[in-house]
Amino acid sequence: MLGLARADEHLHAAEFYRNFESHLAMQNLTSDSVGEYAANGMTAYWTASLVEPKHEGRNIAGQIGYYRIGLYRVDAELFRDDVDVPVEIISTRLVGYERVRVPQALPQ
């Protein structure tokens, strides 16, 4: 029974992690470097730090694009709401971006 309870806890944490990952994908890590996400009785406290220097994005033709991008490492501690110690500690890498140029209208 103890093994079944642990397996259920890990399954619950994996589901939370998928939702948390979707939440992170919507964050702009260049301006949001610390955050918190809570759902389904769990909370993640996360921090993001730049891993590689930012560089100019390029379009498919190799021209400089509208965005400057950087690679960020995101570290998070996952807590169940009823426990004071982290259930999981995770780390992932995500791309952050910032718009630095405005698209120009094509002449007609």
PDB file of N, CA and C in Angstrom:
ATOM      1  N   MET A   1       0.819  -1.195   0.000  1.00  0.00           N
ATOM      2  CA  MET A   1       0.000   0.000   0.000  1.00  0.00           C
ATOM      3  C   MET A   1       0.865   1.263   0.000  1.00  0.00           C
ATOM      4  N   LEU A   2       1.993   1.205   0.707  1.00  0.00           N
ATOM      5  CA  LEU A   2       2.880   2.357   0.751  1.00  0.00           C
ATOM      6  C   LEU A   2       3.448   2.643  -0.641  1.00  0.00           C
ATOM      7  N   GLY A   3       3.827   1.609  -1.358  1.00  0.00           N
ATOM      8  CA  GLY A   3       4.338   1.770  -2.721  1.00  0.00           C
ATOM      9  C   GLY A   3       3.285   2.339  -3.649  1.00  0.00           C
ATOM     10  N   LEU A   4       2.049   1.909  -3.501  1.00  0.00           N
ATOM     11  CA  LEU A   4       0.949   2.425  -4.299  1.00  0.00           C
ATOM     12  C   LEU A   4       0.708   3.903  -4.014  1.00  0.00           C
ATOM     13  N   ALA A   5       0.803   4.296  -2.756  1.00  0.00           N
ATOM     14  CA  ALA A   5       0.631   5.702  -2.377  1.00  0.00           C
ATOM     15  C   ALA A   5       1.745   6.557  -2.982  1.00  0.00           C
ATOM     16  N   ARG A   6       2.997   6.048  -2.954  1.00  0.00           N
ATOM     17  CA  ARG A   6       4.114   6.789  -3.549  1.00  0.00           C
ATOM     18  C   ARG A   6       3.953   6.907  -5.056  1.00  0.00           C
ATOM     19  N   ALA A   7       3.520   5.839  -5.701  1.00  0.00           N
ATOM     20  CA  ALA A   7       3.302   5.869  -7.150  1.00  0.00           C
ATOM     21  C   ALA A   7       2.221   6.884  -7.515  1.00  0.00           C
ATOM     22  N   ASP A   8       1.155   6.921  -6.710  1.00  0.00           N
ATOM     23  CA  ASP A   8       0.078   7.886  -6.949  1.00  0.00           C
ATOM     24  C   ASP A   8       0.594   9.310  -6.771  1.00  0.00           C
ATOM     25  N   GLU A   9       1.443   9.541  -5.789  1.00  0.00           N
ATOM     26  CA  GLU A   9       2.013  10.866  -5.554  1.00  0.00           C
ATOM     27  C   GLU A   9       2.873  11.304  -6.735  1.00  0.00           C
ATOM     28  N   HIS A  10       3.682  10.393  -7.269  1.00  0.00           N
ATOM     29  CA  HIS A  10       4.533  10.723  -8.419  1.00  0.00           C
ATOM     30  C   HIS A  10       3.692  10.976  -9.667  1.00  0.00           C
ATOM     31  N   LEU A  11       2.619  10.226  -9.843  1.00  0.00           N
ATOM     32  CA  LEU A  11       1.719  10.441 -10.969  1.00  0.00           C
ATOM     33  C   LEU A  11       1.069  11.812 -10.866  1.00  0.00           C
ATOM     34  N   HIS A  12       0.641  12.183  -9.676  1.00  0.00           N
ATOM     35  CA  HIS A  12       0.042  13.498  -9.435  1.00  0.00           C
ATOM     36  C   HIS A  12       1.064  14.602  -9.715  1.00  0.00           C
ATOM     37  N   ALA A  13       2.305  14.396  -9.273  1.00  0.00           N
ATOM     38  CA  ALA A  13       3.370  15.382  -9.502  1.00  0.00           C
ATOM     39  C   ALA A  13       3.678  15.507 -10.992  1.00  0.00           C
ATOM     40  N   ALA A  14       3.653  14.392 -11.728  1.00  0.00           N
ATOM     41  CA  ALA A  14       3.918  14.429 -13.165  1.00  0.00           C
ATOM     42  C   ALA A  14       2.828  15.210 -13.902  1.00  0.00           C
ATOM     43  N   GLU A  15       1.583  15.041 -13.514  1.00  0.00           N
ATOM     44  CA  GLU A  15       0.481  15.790 -14.120  1.00  0.00           C
ATOM     45  C   GLU A  15       0.625  17.280 -13.816  1.00  0.00           C
ATOM     46  N   PHE A  16       0.961  17.594 -12.577  1.00  0.00           N
ATOM     47  CA  PHE A  16       1.175  18.992 -12.198  1.00  0.00           C
ATOM     48  C   PHE A  16       2.322  19.579 -13.007  1.00  0.00           C
ATOM     49  N   TYR A  17       3.400  18.809 -13.187  1.00  0.00           N
ATOM     50  CA  TYR A  17       4.565  19.290 -13.920  1.00  0.00           C
ATOM     51  C   TYR A  17       4.207  19.626 -15.363  1.00  0.00           C
ATOM     52  N   ARG A  18       3.390  18.807 -16.021  1.00  0.00           N
ATOM     53  CA  ARG A  18       2.978  19.101 -17.398  1.00  0.00           C
ATOM     54  C   ARG A  18       2.225  20.437 -17.460  1.00  0.00           C
ATOM     55  N   ASN A  19       1.338  20.659 -16.515  1.00  0.00           N
ATOM     56  CA  ASN A  19       0.605  21.927 -16.468  1.00  0.00           C
ATOM     57  C   ASN A  19       1.536  23.097 -16.151  1.00  0.00           C
ATOM     58  N   PHE A  20       2.467  22.865 -15.253  1.00  0.00           N
ATOM     59  CA  PHE A  20       3.446  23.894 -14.882  1.00  0.00           C
ATOM     60  C   PHE A  20       4.322  24.242 -16.081  1.00  0.00           C
ATOM     61  N   GLU A  21       4.729  23.246 -16.852  1.00  0.00           N
ATOM     62  CA  GLU A  21       5.539  23.466 -18.041  1.00  0.00           C
ATOM     63  C   GLU A  21       4.784  24.341 -19.053  1.00  0.00           C
ATOM     64  N   SER A  22       3.488  24.100 -19.203  1.00  0.00           N
ATOM     65  CA  SER A  22       2.666  24.935 -20.094  1.00  0.00           C
ATOM     66  C   SER A  22       2.605  26.369 -19.572  1.00  0.00           C
ATOM     67  N   HIS A  23       2.497  26.515 -18.270  1.00  0.00           N
ATOM     68  CA  HIS A  23       2.485  27.850 -17.660  1.00  0.00           C
ATOM     69  C   HIS A  23       3.802  28.581 -17.953  1.00  0.00           C
ATOM     70  N   LEU A  24       4.924  27.882 -17.800  1.00  0.00           N
ATOM     71  CA  LEU A  24       6.227  28.500 -18.061  1.00  0.00           C
ATOM     72  C   LEU A  24       6.367  28.918 -19.517  1.00  0.00           C
ATOM     73  N   ALA A  25       5.811  28.129 -20.431  1.00  0.00           N
ATOM     74  CA  ALA A  25       5.914  28.445 -21.856  1.00  0.00           C
ATOM     75  C   ALA A  25       5.230  29.773 -22.178  1.00  0.00           C
ATOM     76  N   MET A  26       4.278  30.181 -21.353  1.00  0.00           N
ATOM     77  CA  MET A  26       3.571  31.441 -21.578  1.00  0.00           C
ATOM     78  C   MET A  26       4.257  32.629 -20.902  1.00  0.00           C
ATOM     79  N   GLN A  27       5.286  32.376 -20.104  1.00  0.00           N
ATOM     80  CA  GLN A  27       5.993  33.447 -19.408  1.00  0.00           C
ATOM     81  C   GLN A  27       7.063  34.041 -20.312  1.00  0.00           C
ATOM     82  N   ASN A  28       7.319  35.331 -20.172  1.00  0.00           N
ATOM     83  CA  ASN A  28       8.426  35.971 -20.867  1.00  0.00           C
ATOM     84  C   ASN A  28       9.590  36.028 -19.884  1.00  0.00           C
ATOM     85  N   LEU A  29      10.504  35.106 -20.005  1.00  0.00           N
ATOM     86  CA  LEU A  29      11.574  34.961 -19.021  1.00  0.00           C
ATOM     87  C   LEU A  29      12.551  36.125 -19.004  1.00  0.00           C
ATOM     88  N   THR A  30      12.553  36.966 -20.048  1.00  0.00           N
ATOM     89  CA  THR A  30      13.433  38.132 -20.023  1.00  0.00           C
ATOM     90  C   THR A  30      12.955  39.167 -19.022  1.00  0.00           C
ATOM     91  N   SER A  31      11.664  39.175 -18.723  1.00  0.00           N
ATOM     92  CA  SER A  31      11.151  40.142 -17.745  1.00  0.00           C
ATOM     93  C   SER A  31      10.655  39.479 -16.457  1.00  0.00           C
ATOM     94  N   ASP A  32      10.301  38.205 -16.518  1.00  0.00           N
ATOM     95  CA  ASP A  32       9.813  37.472 -15.349  1.00  0.00           C
ATOM     96  C   ASP A  32      10.851  36.430 -14.945  1.00  0.00           C
ATOM     97  N   SER A  33      11.648  36.729 -13.922  1.00  0.00           N
ATOM     98  CA  SER A  33      12.703  35.787 -13.539  1.00  0.00           C
ATOM     99  C   SER A  33      12.369  34.990 -12.281  1.00  0.00           C
ATOM    100  N   VAL A  34      11.280  35.338 -11.622  1.00  0.00           N
ATOM    101  CA  VAL A  34      10.850  34.637 -10.419  1.00  0.00           C
ATOM    102  C   VAL A  34       9.337  34.520 -10.481  1.00  0.00           C
ATOM    103  N   GLY A  35       8.820  33.376 -10.042  1.00  0.00           N
ATOM    104  CA  GLY A  35       7.378  33.241 -10.061  1.00  0.00           C
ATOM    105  C   GLY A  35       6.880  32.098  -9.214  1.00  0.00           C
ATOM    106  N   GLU A  36       5.571  31.969  -9.232  1.00  0.00           N
ATOM    107  CA  GLU A  36       4.895  30.948  -8.435  1.00  0.00           C
ATOM    108  C   GLU A  36       3.710  30.458  -9.256  1.00  0.00           C
ATOM    109  N   TYR A  37       3.476  29.154  -9.223  1.00  0.00           N
ATOM    110  CA  TYR A  37       2.338  28.566  -9.927  1.00  0.00           C
ATOM    111  C   TYR A  37       1.669  27.577  -8.980  1.00  0.00           C
ATOM    112  N   ALA A  38       0.362  27.724  -8.805  1.00  0.00           N
ATOM    113  CA  ALA A  38      -0.372  26.835  -7.900  1.00  0.00           C
ATOM    114  C   ALA A  38      -1.569  26.237  -8.629  1.00  0.00           C
ATOM    115  N   ALA A  39      -1.782  24.941  -8.422  1.00  0.00           N
ATOM    116  CA  ALA A  39      -2.933  24.238  -9.006  1.00  0.00           C
ATOM    117  C   ALA A  39      -3.059  22.875  -8.352  1.00  0.00           C
ATOM    118  N   ASN A  40      -4.300  22.394  -8.220  1.00  0.00           N
ATOM    119  CA  ASN A  40      -4.576  21.026  -7.764  1.00  0.00           C
ATOM    120  C   ASN A  40      -3.853  20.640  -6.475  1.00  0.00           C
ATOM    121  N   GLY A  41      -3.779  21.551  -5.526  1.00  0.00           N
ATOM    122  CA  GLY A  41      -3.180  21.223  -4.240  1.00  0.00           C
ATOM    123  C   GLY A  41      -1.669  21.214  -4.220  1.00  0.00           C
ATOM    124  N   MET A  42      -1.041  21.758  -5.274  1.00  0.00           N
ATOM    125  CA  MET A  42       0.413  21.834  -5.318  1.00  0.00           C
ATOM    126  C   MET A  42       0.824  23.244  -5.715  1.00  0.00           C
ATOM    127  N   THR A  43       2.040  23.633  -5.322  1.00  0.00           N
ATOM    128  CA  THR A  43       2.589  24.942  -5.670  1.00  0.00           C
ATOM    129  C   THR A  43       4.036  24.770  -6.105  1.00  0.00           C
ATOM    130  N   ALA A  44       4.414  25.492  -7.161  1.00  0.00           N
ATOM    131  CA  ALA A  44       5.800  25.509  -7.628  1.00  0.00           C
ATOM    132  C   ALA A  44       6.334  26.923  -7.479  1.00  0.00           C
ATOM    133  N   TYR A  45       7.486  27.051  -6.850  1.00  0.00           N
ATOM    134  CA  TYR A  45       8.196  28.316  -6.749  1.00  0.00           C
ATOM    135  C   TYR A  45       9.392  28.207  -7.678  1.00  0.00           C
ATOM    136  N   TRP A  46       9.484  29.102  -8.663  1.00  0.00           N
ATOM    137  CA  TRP A  46      10.522  28.961  -9.674  1.00  0.00           C
ATOM    138  C   TRP A  46      11.348  30.228  -9.852  1.00  0.00           C
ATOM    139  N   THR A  47      12.581  30.030 -10.323  1.00  0.00           N
ATOM    140  CA  THR A  47      13.478  31.120 -10.686  1.00  0.00           C
ATOM    141  C   THR A  47      14.082  30.805 -12.045  1.00  0.00           C
ATOM    142  N   ALA A  48      14.323  31.836 -12.827  1.00  0.00           N
ATOM    143  CA  ALA A  48      14.932  31.672 -14.152  1.00  0.00           C
ATOM    144  C   ALA A  48      16.203  32.505 -14.214  1.00  0.00           C
ATOM    145  N   SER A  49      17.248  31.924 -14.791  1.00  0.00           N
ATOM    146  CA  SER A  49      18.499  32.659 -14.950  1.00  0.00           C
ATOM    147  C   SER A  49      19.051  32.409 -16.350  1.00  0.00           C
ATOM    148  N   LEU A  50      19.645  33.433 -16.916  1.00  0.00           N
ATOM    149  CA  LEU A  50      20.194  33.366 -18.266  1.00  0.00           C
ATOM    150  C   LEU A  50      21.391  32.421 -18.293  1.00  0.00           C
ATOM    151  N   VAL A  51      21.365  31.460 -19.221  1.00  0.00           N
ATOM    152  CA  VAL A  51      22.434  30.473 -19.337  1.00  0.00           C
ATOM    153  C   VAL A  51      23.413  30.867 -20.439  1.00  0.00           C
ATOM    154  N   GLU A  52      22.876  31.314 -21.567  1.00  0.00           N
ATOM    155  CA  GLU A  52      23.703  31.760 -22.689  1.00  0.00           C
ATOM    156  C   GLU A  52      23.346  33.206 -23.002  1.00  0.00           C
ATOM    157  N   PRO A  53      24.307  33.988 -23.476  1.00  0.00           N
ATOM    158  CA  PRO A  53      24.008  35.396 -23.774  1.00  0.00           C
ATOM    159  C   PRO A  53      22.883  35.526 -24.797  1.00  0.00           C
ATOM    160  N   LYS A  54      22.144  36.618 -24.668  1.00  0.00           N
ATOM    161  CA  LYS A  54      21.082  36.887 -25.639  1.00  0.00           C
ATOM    162  C   LYS A  54      21.701  37.188 -27.004  1.00  0.00           C
ATOM    163  N   HIS A  55      20.991  36.812 -28.048  1.00  0.00           N
ATOM    164  CA  HIS A  55      21.448  37.150 -29.395  1.00  0.00           C
ATOM    165  C   HIS A  55      20.247  37.470 -30.277  1.00  0.00           C
ATOM    166  N   GLU A  56      20.535  38.092 -31.401  1.00  0.00           N
ATOM    167  CA  GLU A  56      19.478  38.497 -32.318  1.00  0.00           C
ATOM    168  C   GLU A  56      18.886  37.266 -32.995  1.00  0.00           C
ATOM    169  N   GLY A  57      17.562  37.194 -32.994  1.00  0.00           N
ATOM    170  CA  GLY A  57      16.894  36.123 -33.712  1.00  0.00           C
ATOM    171  C   GLY A  57      16.975  36.375 -35.214  1.00  0.00           C
ATOM    172  N   ARG A  58      16.885  35.319 -35.958  1.00  0.00           N
ATOM    173  CA  ARG A  58      16.942  35.437 -37.424  1.00  0.00           C
ATOM    174  C   ARG A  58      15.753  34.713 -38.027  1.00  0.00           C
ATOM    175  N   ASN A  59      15.307  35.222 -39.177  1.00  0.00           N
ATOM    176  CA  ASN A  59      14.206  34.546 -39.867  1.00  0.00           C
ATOM    177  C   ASN A  59      14.753  33.432 -40.749  1.00  0.00           C
ATOM    178  N   ILE A  60      13.887  32.768 -41.470  1.00  0.00           N
ATOM    179  CA  ILE A  60      14.297  31.615 -42.277  1.00  0.00           C
ATOM    180  C   ILE A  60      15.269  31.993 -43.387  1.00  0.00           C
ATOM    181  N   ALA A  61      15.238  33.262 -43.820  1.00  0.00           N
ATOM    182  CA  ALA A  61      16.161  33.731 -44.859  1.00  0.00           C
ATOM    183  C   ALA A  61      17.500  34.174 -44.273  1.00  0.00           C
ATOM    184  N   GLY A  62      17.648  34.126 -42.953  1.00  0.00           N
ATOM    185  CA  GLY A  62      18.900  34.513 -42.311  1.00  0.00           C
ATOM    186  C   GLY A  62      18.991  35.982 -41.954  1.00  0.00           C
ATOM    187  N   GLN A  63      17.933  36.742 -42.206  1.00  0.00           N
ATOM    188  CA  GLN A  63      17.932  38.161 -41.871  1.00  0.00           C
ATOM    189  C   GLN A  63      17.611  38.332 -40.383  1.00  0.00           C
ATOM    190  N   ILE A  64      18.092  39.437 -39.824  1.00  0.00           N
ATOM    191  CA  ILE A  64      17.813  39.719 -38.421  1.00  0.00           C
ATOM    192  C   ILE A  64      16.308  39.859 -38.242  1.00  0.00           C
ATOM    193  N   GLY A  65      15.786  39.182 -37.227  1.00  0.00           N
ATOM    194  CA  GLY A  65      14.345  39.179 -36.986  1.00  0.00           C
ATOM    195  C   GLY A  65      13.908  40.280 -36.039  1.00  0.00           C
ATOM    196  N   TYR A  66      12.714  40.135 -35.503  1.00  0.00           N
ATOM    197  CA  TYR A  66      12.125  41.144 -34.640  1.00  0.00           C
ATOM    198  C   TYR A  66      12.449  40.925 -33.166  1.00  0.00           C
ATOM    199  N   TYR A  67      13.020  39.775 -32.821  1.00  0.00           N
ATOM    200  CA  TYR A  67      13.200  39.413 -31.414  1.00  0.00           C
ATOM    201  C   TYR A  67      14.654  39.163 -31.066  1.00  0.00           C
ATOM    202  N   ARG A  68      14.990  39.412 -29.808  1.00  0.00           N
ATOM    203  CA  ARG A  68      16.269  39.022 -29.223  1.00  0.00           C
ATOM    204  C   ARG A  68      15.943  37.853 -28.289  1.00  0.00           C
ATOM    205  N   ILE A  69      16.688  36.773 -28.408  1.00  0.00           N
ATOM    206  CA  ILE A  69      16.362  35.570 -27.651  1.00  0.00           C
ATOM    207  C   ILE A  69      17.531  35.151 -26.761  1.00  0.00           C
ATOM    208  N   GLY A  70      17.212  34.424 -25.704  1.00  0.00           N
ATOM    209  CA  GLY A  70      18.218  33.912 -24.789  1.00  0.00           C
ATOM    210  C   GLY A  70      17.762  32.579 -24.218  1.00  0.00           C
ATOM    211  N   LEU A  71      18.709  31.772 -23.804  1.00  0.00           N
ATOM    212  CA  LEU A  71      18.414  30.477 -23.199  1.00  0.00           C
ATOM    213  C   LEU A  71      18.462  30.627 -21.681  1.00  0.00           C
ATOM    214  N   TYR A  72      17.396  30.180 -21.016  1.00  0.00           N
ATOM    215  CA  TYR A  72      17.263  30.323 -19.566  1.00  0.00           C
ATOM    216  C   TYR A  72      17.166  28.961 -18.892  1.00  0.00           C
ATOM    217  N   ARG A  73      17.774  28.874 -17.734  1.00  0.00           N
ATOM    218  CA  ARG A  73      17.617  27.695 -16.886  1.00  0.00           C
ATOM    219  C   ARG A  73      16.543  28.038 -15.853  1.00  0.00           C
ATOM    220  N   VAL A  74      15.554  27.172 -15.743  1.00  0.00           N
ATOM    221  CA  VAL A  74      14.473  27.381 -14.782  1.00  0.00           C
ATOM    222  C   VAL A  74      14.565  26.293 -13.721  1.00  0.00           C
ATOM    223  N   ASP A  75      14.729  26.697 -12.471  1.00  0.00           N
ATOM    224  CA  ASP A  75      14.761  25.777 -11.333  1.00  0.00           C
ATOM    225  C   ASP A  75      13.483  25.976 -10.535  1.00  0.00           C
ATOM    226  N   ALA A  76      12.865  24.876 -10.122  1.00  0.00           N
ATOM    227  CA  ALA A  76      11.610  24.975  -9.377  1.00  0.00           C
ATOM    228  C   ALA A  76      11.558  23.946  -8.269  1.00  0.00           C
ATOM    229  N   GLU A  77      10.922  24.333  -7.185  1.00  0.00           N
ATOM    230  CA  GLU A  77      10.626  23.419  -6.087  1.00  0.00           C
ATOM    231  C   GLU A  77       9.120  23.228  -6.052  1.00  0.00           C
ATOM    232  N   LEU A  78       8.669  21.971  -6.078  1.00  0.00           N
ATOM    233  CA  LEU A  78       7.249  21.649  -6.056  1.00  0.00           C
ATOM    234  C   LEU A  78       6.862  21.226  -4.653  1.00  0.00           C
ATOM    235  N   PHE A  79       5.837  21.855  -4.118  1.00  0.00           N
ATOM    236  CA  PHE A  79       5.338  21.566  -2.778  1.00  0.00           C
ATOM    237  C   PHE A  79       3.888  21.117  -2.857  1.00  0.00           C
ATOM    238  N   ARG A  80       3.529  20.128  -2.077  1.00  0.00           N
ATOM    239  CA  ARG A  80       2.109  19.853  -1.844  1.00  0.00           C
ATOM    240  C   ARG A  80       1.648  20.839  -0.797  1.00  0.00           C
ATOM    241  N   ASP A  81       0.398  21.260  -0.903  1.00  0.00           N
ATOM    242  CA  ASP A  81      -0.093  22.282   0.020  1.00  0.00           C
ATOM    243  C   ASP A  81      -0.100  21.828   1.474  1.00  0.00           C
ATOM    244  N   ASP A  82      -0.120  20.505   1.712  1.00  0.00           N
ATOM    245  CA  ASP A  82      -0.174  19.999   3.086  1.00  0.00           C
ATOM    246  C   ASP A  82       1.189  19.584   3.642  1.00  0.00           C
ATOM    247  N   VAL A  83       2.275  19.833   2.876  1.00  0.00           N
ATOM    248  CA  VAL A  83       3.614  19.420   3.303  1.00  0.00           C
ATOM    249  C   VAL A  83       4.557  20.609   3.181  1.00  0.00           C
ATOM    250  N   ASP A  84       5.454  20.772   4.160  1.00  0.00           N
ATOM    251  CA  ASP A  84       6.385  21.902   4.166  1.00  0.00           C
ATOM    252  C   ASP A  84       7.712  21.639   3.459  1.00  0.00           C
ATOM    253  N   VAL A  85       7.938  20.432   3.009  1.00  0.00           N
ATOM    254  CA  VAL A  85       9.188  20.103   2.314  1.00  0.00           C
ATOM    255  C   VAL A  85       8.883  19.866   0.837  1.00  0.00           C
ATOM    256  N   PRO A  86       9.846  20.163  -0.050  1.00  0.00           N
ATOM    257  CA  PRO A  86       9.588  19.967  -1.481  1.00  0.00           C
ATOM    258  C   PRO A  86       9.301  18.497  -1.806  1.00  0.00           C
ATOM    259  N   VAL A  87       8.287  18.289  -2.644  1.00  0.00           N
ATOM    260  CA  VAL A  87       7.967  16.953  -3.133  1.00  0.00           C
ATOM    261  C   VAL A  87       8.919  16.600  -4.270  1.00  0.00           C
ATOM    262  N   GLU A  88       9.224  17.574  -5.105  1.00  0.00           N
ATOM    263  CA  GLU A  88      10.136  17.407  -6.237  1.00  0.00           C
ATOM    264  C   GLU A  88      10.940  18.685  -6.407  1.00  0.00           C
ATOM    265  N   ILE A  89      12.139  18.547  -6.907  1.00  0.00           N
ATOM    266  CA  ILE A  89      12.951  19.681  -7.321  1.00  0.00           C
ATOM    267  C   ILE A  89      13.290  19.429  -8.777  1.00  0.00           C
ATOM    268  N   ILE A  90      12.931  20.386  -9.647  1.00  0.00           N
ATOM    269  CA  ILE A  90      13.126  20.173 -11.072  1.00  0.00           C
ATOM    270  C   ILE A  90      13.937  21.317 -11.675  1.00  0.00           C
ATOM    271  N   SER A  91      14.533  21.026 -12.809  1.00  0.00           N
ATOM    272  CA  SER A  91      15.296  22.016 -13.552  1.00  0.00           C
ATOM    273  C   SER A  91      15.064  21.755 -15.034  1.00  0.00           C
ATOM    274  N   THR A  92      14.858  22.823 -15.789  1.00  0.00           N
ATOM    275  CA  THR A  92      14.662  22.699 -17.235  1.00  0.00           C
ATOM    276  C   THR A  92      15.237  23.932 -17.905  1.00  0.00           C
ATOM    277  N   ARG A  93      15.307  23.906 -19.218  1.00  0.00           N
ATOM    278  CA  ARG A  93      15.788  25.057 -19.974  1.00  0.00           C
ATOM    279  C   ARG A  93      14.716  25.490 -20.952  1.00  0.00           C
ATOM    280  N   LEU A  94      14.540  26.805 -21.054  1.00  0.00           N
ATOM    281  CA  LEU A  94      13.540  27.373 -21.948  1.00  0.00           C
ATOM    282  C   LEU A  94      14.104  28.608 -22.635  1.00  0.00           C
ATOM    283  N   VAL A  95      13.530  28.952 -23.773  1.00  0.00           N
ATOM    284  CA  VAL A  95      13.929  30.139 -24.506  1.00  0.00           C
ATOM    285  C   VAL A  95      13.093  31.322 -24.036  1.00  0.00           C
ATOM    286  N   GLY A  96      13.764  32.432 -23.768  1.00  0.00           N
ATOM    287  CA  GLY A  96      13.091  33.689 -23.453  1.00  0.00           C
ATOM    288  C   GLY A  96      13.314  34.653 -24.602  1.00  0.00           C
ATOM    289  N   TYR A  97      12.425  35.600 -24.761  1.00  0.00           N
ATOM    290  CA  TYR A  97      12.519  36.511 -25.897  1.00  0.00           C
ATOM    291  C   TYR A  97      12.064  37.904 -25.496  1.00  0.00           C
ATOM    292  N   GLU A  98      12.498  38.871 -26.290  1.00  0.00           N
ATOM    293  CA  GLU A  98      12.013  40.237 -26.149  1.00  0.00           C
ATOM    294  C   GLU A  98      11.964  40.854 -27.539  1.00  0.00           C
ATOM    295  N   ARG A  99      10.868  41.560 -27.836  1.00  0.00           N
ATOM    296  CA  ARG A  99      10.761  42.195 -29.144  1.00  0.00           C
ATOM    297  C   ARG A  99      11.598  43.462 -29.133  1.00  0.00           C
ATOM    298  N   VAL A 100      12.486  43.580 -30.121  1.00  0.00           N
ATOM    299  CA  VAL A 100      13.374  44.735 -30.197  1.00  0.00           C
ATOM    300  C   VAL A 100      13.140  45.554 -31.468  1.00  0.00           C
ATOM    301  N   ARG A 101      12.377  45.020 -32.398  1.00  0.00           N
ATOM    302  CA  ARG A 101      12.055  45.736 -33.620  1.00  0.00           C
ATOM    303  C   ARG A 101      10.575  45.563 -33.937  1.00  0.00           C
ATOM    304  N   VAL A 102      10.022  46.560 -34.593  1.00  0.00           N
ATOM    305  CA  VAL A 102       8.603  46.513 -34.970  1.00  0.00           C
ATOM    306  C   VAL A 102       8.538  46.126 -36.449  1.00  0.00           C
ATOM    307  N   PRO A 103       7.667  45.180 -36.803  1.00  0.00           N
ATOM    308  CA  PRO A 103       7.532  44.804 -38.216  1.00  0.00           C
ATOM    309  C   PRO A 103       7.120  46.014 -39.065  1.00  0.00           C
ATOM    310  N   GLN A 104       7.732  46.118 -40.236  1.00  0.00           N
ATOM    311  CA  GLN A 104       7.416  47.192 -41.175  1.00  0.00           C
ATOM    312  C   GLN A 104       6.417  46.674 -42.199  1.00  0.00           C
ATOM    313  N   ALA A 105       5.456  47.512 -42.557  1.00  0.00           N
ATOM    314  CA  ALA A 105       4.484  47.143 -43.586  1.00  0.00           C
ATOM    315  C   ALA A 105       5.189  47.096 -44.938  1.00  0.00           C
ATOM    316  N   LEU A 106       4.852  46.128 -45.751  1.00  0.00           N
ATOM    317  CA  LEU A 106       5.428  46.010 -47.088  1.00  0.00           C
ATOM    318  C   LEU A 106       4.810  47.067 -48.002  1.00  0.00           C
ATOM    319  N   PRO A 107       5.616  47.666 -48.871  1.00  0.00           N
ATOM    320  CA  PRO A 107       5.047  48.648 -49.814  1.00  0.00           C
ATOM    321  C   PRO A 107       4.124  47.946 -50.806  1.00  0.00           C
ATOM    322  N   GLN A 108       3.081  48.649 -51.203  1.00  0.00           N
ATOM    323  CA  GLN A 108       2.125  48.045 -52.130  1.00  0.00           C
ATOM    324  C   GLN A 108       2.218  48.636 -53.504  1.00  0.00           C
TER     325      GLN A 108
END
